[in-house]
Every structure is written in structure tokens, then in C-alpha cells.
Amino acid sequence: QFSTFSSFLFAVMGIGLGLWMGSLVIVFDG
């Protein structure tokens, strides 16, 4: 459950920031 919560936070931050910046590697991370 802890891993699920952490994954959710990193996914939202990575995909959101990656799309905003236009960075493939950050989207990859998210």
C-alpha cells in the first residue's frame, strides 16, 4: 500500500511536469 501511494505521487508529478516541459525522459520516468 505504501508503494502504491508513492508510485501515484511520482507518476502524477513526472507525467505532468514532463508533458509541460516537453521532456521525453521525464515522461518516461513518470
PDB file of all heavy atoms in Angstrom:
ATOM      1  N   GLN A   1       0.834  -1.206   0.000  1.00  0.00           N
ATOM      2  CA  GLN A   1       0.000   0.000   0.000  1.00  0.00           C
ATOM      3  C   GLN A   1       0.867   1.254   0.000  1.00  0.00           C
ATOM      4  O   GLN A   1       0.562   2.238  -0.690  1.00  0.00           O
ATOM      5  CB  GLN A   1      -0.935  -0.014   1.213  1.00  0.00           C
ATOM      6  CG  GLN A   1      -2.037  -1.053   1.129  1.00  0.00           C
ATOM      7  CD  GLN A   1      -2.810  -1.198   2.425  1.00  0.00           C
ATOM      8  OE1 GLN A   1      -2.367  -0.742   3.489  1.00  0.00           O
ATOM      9  NE2 GLN A   1      -3.964  -1.846   2.367  1.00  0.00           N
ATOM     10  N   PHE A   2       1.944   1.226   0.767  1.00  0.00           N
ATOM     11  CA  PHE A   2       2.885   2.354   0.806  1.00  0.00           C
ATOM     12  C   PHE A   2       3.512   2.566  -0.571  1.00  0.00           C
ATOM     13  O   PHE A   2       3.649   3.707  -1.047  1.00  0.00           O
ATOM     14  CB  PHE A   2       3.971   2.087   1.854  1.00  0.00           C
ATOM     15  CG  PHE A   2       5.111   3.069   1.830  1.00  0.00           C
ATOM     16  CD1 PHE A   2       4.934   4.368   2.292  1.00  0.00           C
ATOM     17  CD2 PHE A   2       6.350   2.695   1.342  1.00  0.00           C
ATOM     18  CE1 PHE A   2       5.986   5.279   2.267  1.00  0.00           C
ATOM     19  CE2 PHE A   2       7.406   3.594   1.316  1.00  0.00           C
ATOM     20  CZ  PHE A   2       7.214   4.889   1.779  1.00  0.00           C
ATOM     21  N   SER A   3       3.887   1.468  -1.230  1.00  0.00           N
ATOM     22  CA  SER A   3       4.471   1.552  -2.565  1.00  0.00           C
ATOM     23  C   SER A   3       3.461   2.112  -3.570  1.00  0.00           C
ATOM     24  O   SER A   3       3.821   2.892  -4.452  1.00  0.00           O
ATOM     25  CB  SER A   3       4.942   0.159  -3.017  1.00  0.00           C
ATOM     26  OG  SER A   3       5.539   0.217  -4.292  1.00  0.00           O
ATOM     27  N   THR A   4       2.194   1.734  -3.417  1.00  0.00           N
ATOM     28  CA  THR A   4       1.133   2.240  -4.290  1.00  0.00           C
ATOM     29  C   THR A   4       0.994   3.751  -4.167  1.00  0.00           C
ATOM     30  O   THR A   4       0.923   4.474  -5.175  1.00  0.00           O
ATOM     31  CB  THR A   4      -0.217   1.581  -3.943  1.00  0.00           C
ATOM     32  OG1 THR A   4      -0.093   0.163  -4.079  1.00  0.00           O
ATOM     33  CG2 THR A   4      -1.328   2.082  -4.851  1.00  0.00           C
ATOM     34  N   PHE A   5       0.971   4.240  -2.944  1.00  0.00           N
ATOM     35  CA  PHE A   5       0.840   5.676  -2.694  1.00  0.00           C
ATOM     36  C   PHE A   5       2.028   6.443  -3.260  1.00  0.00           C
ATOM     37  O   PHE A   5       1.863   7.484  -3.918  1.00  0.00           O
ATOM     38  CB  PHE A   5       0.703   5.932  -1.192  1.00  0.00           C
ATOM     39  CG  PHE A   5       0.624   7.389  -0.824  1.00  0.00           C
ATOM     40  CD1 PHE A   5      -0.519   8.120  -1.075  1.00  0.00           C
ATOM     41  CD2 PHE A   5       1.701   8.026  -0.229  1.00  0.00           C
ATOM     42  CE1 PHE A   5      -0.591   9.468  -0.748  1.00  0.00           C
ATOM     43  CE2 PHE A   5       1.645   9.373   0.110  1.00  0.00           C
ATOM     44  CZ  PHE A   5       0.489  10.089  -0.154  1.00  0.00           C
ATOM     45  N   SER A   6       3.236   5.924  -3.049  1.00  0.00           N
ATOM     46  CA  SER A   6       4.444   6.586  -3.553  1.00  0.00           C
ATOM     47  C   SER A   6       4.460   6.604  -5.077  1.00  0.00           C
ATOM     48  O   SER A   6       4.811   7.624  -5.695  1.00  0.00           O
ATOM     49  CB  SER A   6       5.698   5.865  -3.032  1.00  0.00           C
ATOM     50  OG  SER A   6       5.774   5.933  -1.624  1.00  0.00           O
ATOM     51  N   SER A   7       4.073   5.489  -5.692  1.00  0.00           N
ATOM     52  CA  SER A   7       4.036   5.418  -7.157  1.00  0.00           C
ATOM     53  C   SER A   7       3.061   6.437  -7.729  1.00  0.00           C
ATOM     54  O   SER A   7       3.333   7.069  -8.763  1.00  0.00           O
ATOM     55  CB  SER A   7       3.638   4.010  -7.611  1.00  0.00           C
ATOM     56  OG  SER A   7       4.605   3.062  -7.244  1.00  0.00           O
ATOM     57  N   PHE A   8       1.928   6.606  -7.068  1.00  0.00           N
ATOM     58  CA  PHE A   8       0.918   7.557  -7.529  1.00  0.00           C
ATOM     59  C   PHE A   8       1.474   8.981  -7.524  1.00  0.00           C
ATOM     60  O   PHE A   8       1.316   9.740  -8.488  1.00  0.00           O
ATOM     61  CB  PHE A   8      -0.325   7.477  -6.656  1.00  0.00           C
ATOM     62  CG  PHE A   8      -1.370   8.507  -6.984  1.00  0.00           C
ATOM     63  CD1 PHE A   8      -2.175   8.356  -8.108  1.00  0.00           C
ATOM     64  CD2 PHE A   8      -1.552   9.627  -6.178  1.00  0.00           C
ATOM     65  CE1 PHE A   8      -3.128   9.315  -8.433  1.00  0.00           C
ATOM     66  CE2 PHE A   8      -2.504  10.580  -6.490  1.00  0.00           C
ATOM     67  CZ  PHE A   8      -3.303  10.418  -7.620  1.00  0.00           C
ATOM     68  N   LEU A   9       2.164   9.362  -6.438  1.00  0.00           N
ATOM     69  CA  LEU A   9       2.729  10.707  -6.338  1.00  0.00           C
ATOM     70  C   LEU A   9       3.769  10.959  -7.430  1.00  0.00           C
ATOM     71  O   LEU A   9       3.750  11.993  -8.109  1.00  0.00           O
ATOM     72  CB  LEU A   9       3.371  10.896  -4.953  1.00  0.00           C
ATOM     73  CG  LEU A   9       2.423  11.014  -3.761  1.00  0.00           C
ATOM     74  CD1 LEU A   9       3.220  11.195  -2.471  1.00  0.00           C
ATOM     75  CD2 LEU A   9       1.470  12.189  -3.943  1.00  0.00           C
ATOM     76  N   PHE A  10       4.679   9.995  -7.627  1.00  0.00           N
ATOM     77  CA  PHE A  10       5.734  10.163  -8.628  1.00  0.00           C
ATOM     78  C   PHE A  10       5.161  10.142 -10.043  1.00  0.00           C
ATOM     79  O   PHE A  10       5.667  10.834 -10.932  1.00  0.00           O
ATOM     80  CB  PHE A  10       6.797   9.081  -8.471  1.00  0.00           C
ATOM     81  CG  PHE A  10       7.715   9.300  -7.312  1.00  0.00           C
ATOM     82  CD1 PHE A  10       7.702   8.454  -6.215  1.00  0.00           C
ATOM     83  CD2 PHE A  10       8.600  10.371  -7.304  1.00  0.00           C
ATOM     84  CE1 PHE A  10       8.544   8.664  -5.136  1.00  0.00           C
ATOM     85  CE2 PHE A  10       9.452  10.591  -6.225  1.00  0.00           C
ATOM     86  CZ  PHE A  10       9.418   9.733  -5.136  1.00  0.00           C
ATOM     87  N   ALA A  11       4.121   9.340 -10.256  1.00  0.00           N
ATOM     88  CA  ALA A  11       3.516   9.266 -11.589  1.00  0.00           C
ATOM     89  C   ALA A  11       2.879  10.598 -11.973  1.00  0.00           C
ATOM     90  O   ALA A  11       3.097  11.111 -13.083  1.00  0.00           O
ATOM     91  CB  ALA A  11       2.474   8.150 -11.629  1.00  0.00           C
ATOM     92  N   VAL A  12       2.097  11.159 -11.061  1.00  0.00           N
ATOM     93  CA  VAL A  12       1.429  12.440 -11.330  1.00  0.00           C
ATOM     94  C   VAL A  12       2.458  13.542 -11.551  1.00  0.00           C
ATOM     95  O   VAL A  12       2.356  14.333 -12.502  1.00  0.00           O
ATOM     96  CB  VAL A  12       0.487  12.811 -10.163  1.00  0.00           C
ATOM     97  CG1 VAL A  12      -0.042  14.233 -10.335  1.00  0.00           C
ATOM     98  CG2 VAL A  12      -0.671  11.832 -10.090  1.00  0.00           C
ATOM     99  N   MET A  13       3.477  13.586 -10.694  1.00  0.00           N
ATOM    100  CA  MET A  13       4.500  14.629 -10.812  1.00  0.00           C
ATOM    101  C   MET A  13       5.313  14.469 -12.093  1.00  0.00           C
ATOM    102  O   MET A  13       5.544  15.437 -12.824  1.00  0.00           O
ATOM    103  CB  MET A  13       5.439  14.578  -9.600  1.00  0.00           C
ATOM    104  CG  MET A  13       6.506  15.667  -9.612  1.00  0.00           C
ATOM    105  SD  MET A  13       7.489  15.707  -8.089  1.00  0.00           S
ATOM    106  CE  MET A  13       8.326  14.131  -8.165  1.00  0.00           C
ATOM    107  N   GLY A  14       5.732  13.239 -12.400  1.00  0.00           N
ATOM    108  CA  GLY A  14       6.573  13.011 -13.564  1.00  0.00           C
ATOM    109  C   GLY A  14       5.864  13.253 -14.886  1.00  0.00           C
ATOM    110  O   GLY A  14       6.368  13.980 -15.743  1.00  0.00           O
ATOM    111  N   ILE A  15       4.681  12.656 -15.053  1.00  0.00           N
ATOM    112  CA  ILE A  15       3.950  12.813 -16.313  1.00  0.00           C
ATOM    113  C   ILE A  15       3.501  14.263 -16.507  1.00  0.00           C
ATOM    114  O   ILE A  15       3.623  14.827 -17.601  1.00  0.00           O
ATOM    115  CB  ILE A  15       2.734  11.855 -16.357  1.00  0.00           C
ATOM    116  CG1 ILE A  15       3.217  10.402 -16.393  1.00  0.00           C
ATOM    117  CG2 ILE A  15       1.865  12.144 -17.582  1.00  0.00           C
ATOM    118  CD1 ILE A  15       2.107   9.380 -16.351  1.00  0.00           C
ATOM    119  N   GLY A  16       2.988  14.878 -15.436  1.00  0.00           N
ATOM    120  CA  GLY A  16       2.525  16.264 -15.534  1.00  0.00           C
ATOM    121  C   GLY A  16       3.645  17.223 -15.887  1.00  0.00           C
ATOM    122  O   GLY A  16       3.535  18.017 -16.835  1.00  0.00           O
ATOM    123  N   LEU A  17       4.760  17.128 -15.161  1.00  0.00           N
ATOM    124  CA  LEU A  17       5.889  18.025 -15.410  1.00  0.00           C
ATOM    125  C   LEU A  17       6.546  17.710 -16.750  1.00  0.00           C
ATOM    126  O   LEU A  17       6.953  18.625 -17.489  1.00  0.00           O
ATOM    127  CB  LEU A  17       6.917  17.896 -14.282  1.00  0.00           C
ATOM    128  CG  LEU A  17       8.098  18.879 -14.312  1.00  0.00           C
ATOM    129  CD1 LEU A  17       7.599  20.312 -14.227  1.00  0.00           C
ATOM    130  CD2 LEU A  17       9.067  18.581 -13.169  1.00  0.00           C
ATOM    131  N   GLY A  18       6.631  16.431 -17.093  1.00  0.00           N
ATOM    132  CA  GLY A  18       7.260  16.041 -18.351  1.00  0.00           C
ATOM    133  C   GLY A  18       6.504  16.558 -19.564  1.00  0.00           C
ATOM    134  O   GLY A  18       7.107  17.056 -20.509  1.00  0.00           O
ATOM    135  N   LEU A  19       5.166  16.454 -19.529  1.00  0.00           N
ATOM    136  CA  LEU A  19       4.355  16.957 -20.638  1.00  0.00           C
ATOM    137  C   LEU A  19       4.436  18.481 -20.727  1.00  0.00           C
ATOM    138  O   LEU A  19       4.480  19.051 -21.820  1.00  0.00           O
ATOM    139  CB  LEU A  19       2.896  16.512 -20.461  1.00  0.00           C
ATOM    140  CG  LEU A  19       2.625  15.012 -20.652  1.00  0.00           C
ATOM    141  CD1 LEU A  19       1.184  14.690 -20.315  1.00  0.00           C
ATOM    142  CD2 LEU A  19       2.958  14.580 -22.079  1.00  0.00           C
ATOM    143  N   TRP A  20       4.451  19.141 -19.577  1.00  0.00           N
ATOM    144  CA  TRP A  20       4.519  20.607 -19.548  1.00  0.00           C
ATOM    145  C   TRP A  20       5.846  21.104 -20.111  1.00  0.00           C
ATOM    146  O   TRP A  20       5.900  22.087 -20.851  1.00  0.00           O
ATOM    147  CB  TRP A  20       4.321  21.096 -18.120  1.00  0.00           C
ATOM    148  CG  TRP A  20       4.404  22.583 -17.981  1.00  0.00           C
ATOM    149  CD1 TRP A  20       3.663  23.511 -18.647  1.00  0.00           C
ATOM    150  CD2 TRP A  20       5.292  23.318 -17.123  1.00  0.00           C
ATOM    151  NE1 TRP A  20       4.022  24.782 -18.252  1.00  0.00           N
ATOM    152  CE2 TRP A  20       5.026  24.695 -17.311  1.00  0.00           C
ATOM    153  CE3 TRP A  20       6.266  22.940 -16.196  1.00  0.00           C
ATOM    154  CZ2 TRP A  20       5.700  25.684 -16.626  1.00  0.00           C
ATOM    155  CZ3 TRP A  20       6.940  23.939 -15.505  1.00  0.00           C
ATOM    156  CH2 TRP A  20       6.659  25.286 -15.729  1.00  0.00           C
ATOM    157  N   MET A  21       6.941  20.394 -19.786  1.00  0.00           N
ATOM    158  CA  MET A  21       8.269  20.799 -20.238  1.00  0.00           C
ATOM    159  C   MET A  21       8.604  20.235 -21.616  1.00  0.00           C
ATOM    160  O   MET A  21       9.567  20.661 -22.241  1.00  0.00           O
ATOM    161  CB  MET A  21       9.329  20.324 -19.237  1.00  0.00           C
ATOM    162  CG  MET A  21       9.254  21.001 -17.878  1.00  0.00           C
ATOM    163  SD  MET A  21      10.418  20.248 -16.712  1.00  0.00           S
ATOM    164  CE  MET A  21      11.954  20.453 -17.587  1.00  0.00           C
ATOM    165  N   GLY A  22       7.840  19.252 -22.074  1.00  0.00           N
ATOM    166  CA  GLY A  22       8.149  18.610 -23.346  1.00  0.00           C
ATOM    167  C   GLY A  22       9.349  17.692 -23.268  1.00  0.00           C
ATOM    168  O   GLY A  22      10.071  17.516 -24.250  1.00  0.00           O
ATOM    169  N   SER A  23       9.550  17.070 -22.092  1.00  0.00           N
ATOM    170  CA  SER A  23      10.705  16.196 -21.888  1.00  0.00           C
ATOM    171  C   SER A  23      10.295  14.727 -21.959  1.00  0.00           C
ATOM    172  O   SER A  23       9.488  14.256 -21.160  1.00  0.00           O
ATOM    173  CB  SER A  23      11.354  16.482 -20.523  1.00  0.00           C
ATOM    174  OG  SER A  23      12.315  15.498 -20.210  1.00  0.00           O
ATOM    175  N   LEU A  24      10.882  14.004 -22.913  1.00  0.00           N
ATOM    176  CA  LEU A  24      10.583  12.581 -23.056  1.00  0.00           C
ATOM    177  C   LEU A  24      11.053  11.776 -21.851  1.00  0.00           C
ATOM    178  O   LEU A  24      10.361  10.877 -21.387  1.00  0.00           O
ATOM    179  CB  LEU A  24      11.269  12.031 -24.323  1.00  0.00           C
ATOM    180  CG  LEU A  24      10.612  12.332 -25.671  1.00  0.00           C
ATOM    181  CD1 LEU A  24      11.487  11.800 -26.788  1.00  0.00           C
ATOM    182  CD2 LEU A  24       9.225  11.719 -25.740  1.00  0.00           C
ATOM    183  N   VAL A  25      12.248  12.085 -21.357  1.00  0.00           N
ATOM    184  CA  VAL A  25      12.812  11.275 -20.283  1.00  0.00           C
ATOM    185  C   VAL A  25      12.049  11.463 -18.975  1.00  0.00           C
ATOM    186  O   VAL A  25      11.907  10.525 -18.182  1.00  0.00           O
ATOM    187  CB  VAL A  25      14.325  11.578 -20.101  1.00  0.00           C
ATOM    188  CG1 VAL A  25      14.552  12.934 -19.434  1.00  0.00           C
ATOM    189  CG2 VAL A  25      15.002  10.477 -19.304  1.00  0.00           C
ATOM    190  N   ILE A  26      11.532  12.662 -18.722  1.00  0.00           N
ATOM    191  CA  ILE A  26      10.740  12.878 -17.514  1.00  0.00           C
ATOM    192  C   ILE A  26       9.380  12.192 -17.643  1.00  0.00           C
ATOM    193  O   ILE A  26       8.872  11.611 -16.683  1.00  0.00           O
ATOM    194  CB  ILE A  26      10.583  14.387 -17.229  1.00  0.00           C
ATOM    195  CG1 ILE A  26      11.942  14.997 -16.867  1.00  0.00           C
ATOM    196  CG2 ILE A  26       9.594  14.622 -16.084  1.00  0.00           C
ATOM    197  CD1 ILE A  26      11.904  16.484 -16.583  1.00  0.00           C
ATOM    198  N   VAL A  27       8.796  12.242 -18.854  1.00  0.00           N
ATOM    199  CA  VAL A  27       7.555  11.489 -19.091  1.00  0.00           C
ATOM    200  C   VAL A  27       7.816   9.992 -18.918  1.00  0.00           C
ATOM    201  O   VAL A  27       6.992   9.270 -18.354  1.00  0.00           O
ATOM    202  CB  VAL A  27       7.000  11.772 -20.502  1.00  0.00           C
ATOM    203  CG1 VAL A  27       5.834  10.848 -20.827  1.00  0.00           C
ATOM    204  CG2 VAL A  27       6.545  13.225 -20.607  1.00  0.00           C
ATOM    205  N   PHE A  28       8.977   9.521 -19.398  1.00  0.00           N
ATOM    206  CA  PHE A  28       9.375   8.119 -19.241  1.00  0.00           C
ATOM    207  C   PHE A  28       9.434   7.749 -17.756  1.00  0.00           C
ATOM    208  O   PHE A  28       8.933   6.702 -17.338  1.00  0.00           O
ATOM    209  CB  PHE A  28      10.735   7.902 -19.897  1.00  0.00           C
ATOM    210  CG  PHE A  28      11.311   6.516 -19.709  1.00  0.00           C
ATOM    211  CD1 PHE A  28      10.916   5.474 -20.525  1.00  0.00           C
ATOM    212  CD2 PHE A  28      12.254   6.270 -18.722  1.00  0.00           C
ATOM    213  CE1 PHE A  28      11.448   4.203 -20.357  1.00  0.00           C
ATOM    214  CE2 PHE A  28      12.787   5.015 -18.540  1.00  0.00           C
ATOM    215  CZ  PHE A  28      12.386   3.965 -19.368  1.00  0.00           C
ATOM    216  N   ASP A  29      10.040   8.620 -16.982  1.00  0.00           N
ATOM    217  CA  ASP A  29      10.141   8.394 -15.533  1.00  0.00           C
ATOM    218  C   ASP A  29       8.757   8.340 -14.902  1.00  0.00           C
ATOM    219  O   ASP A  29       8.444   7.456 -14.104  1.00  0.00           O
ATOM    220  CB  ASP A  29      10.976   9.513 -14.900  1.00  0.00           C
ATOM    221  CG  ASP A  29      11.474   9.146 -13.510  1.00  0.00           C
ATOM    222  OD1 ASP A  29      11.042   8.108 -12.985  1.00  0.00           O
ATOM    223  OD2 ASP A  29      12.276   9.898 -12.953  1.00  0.00           O
ATOM    224  N   GLY A  30       7.896   9.312 -15.259  1.00  0.00           N
ATOM    225  CA  GLY A  30       6.549   9.333 -14.706  1.00  0.00           C
ATOM    226  C   GLY A  30       5.713   8.150 -15.161  1.00  0.00           C
ATOM    227  O   GLY A  30       4.943   7.575 -14.380  1.00  0.00           O
TER     228      GLY A  30
END
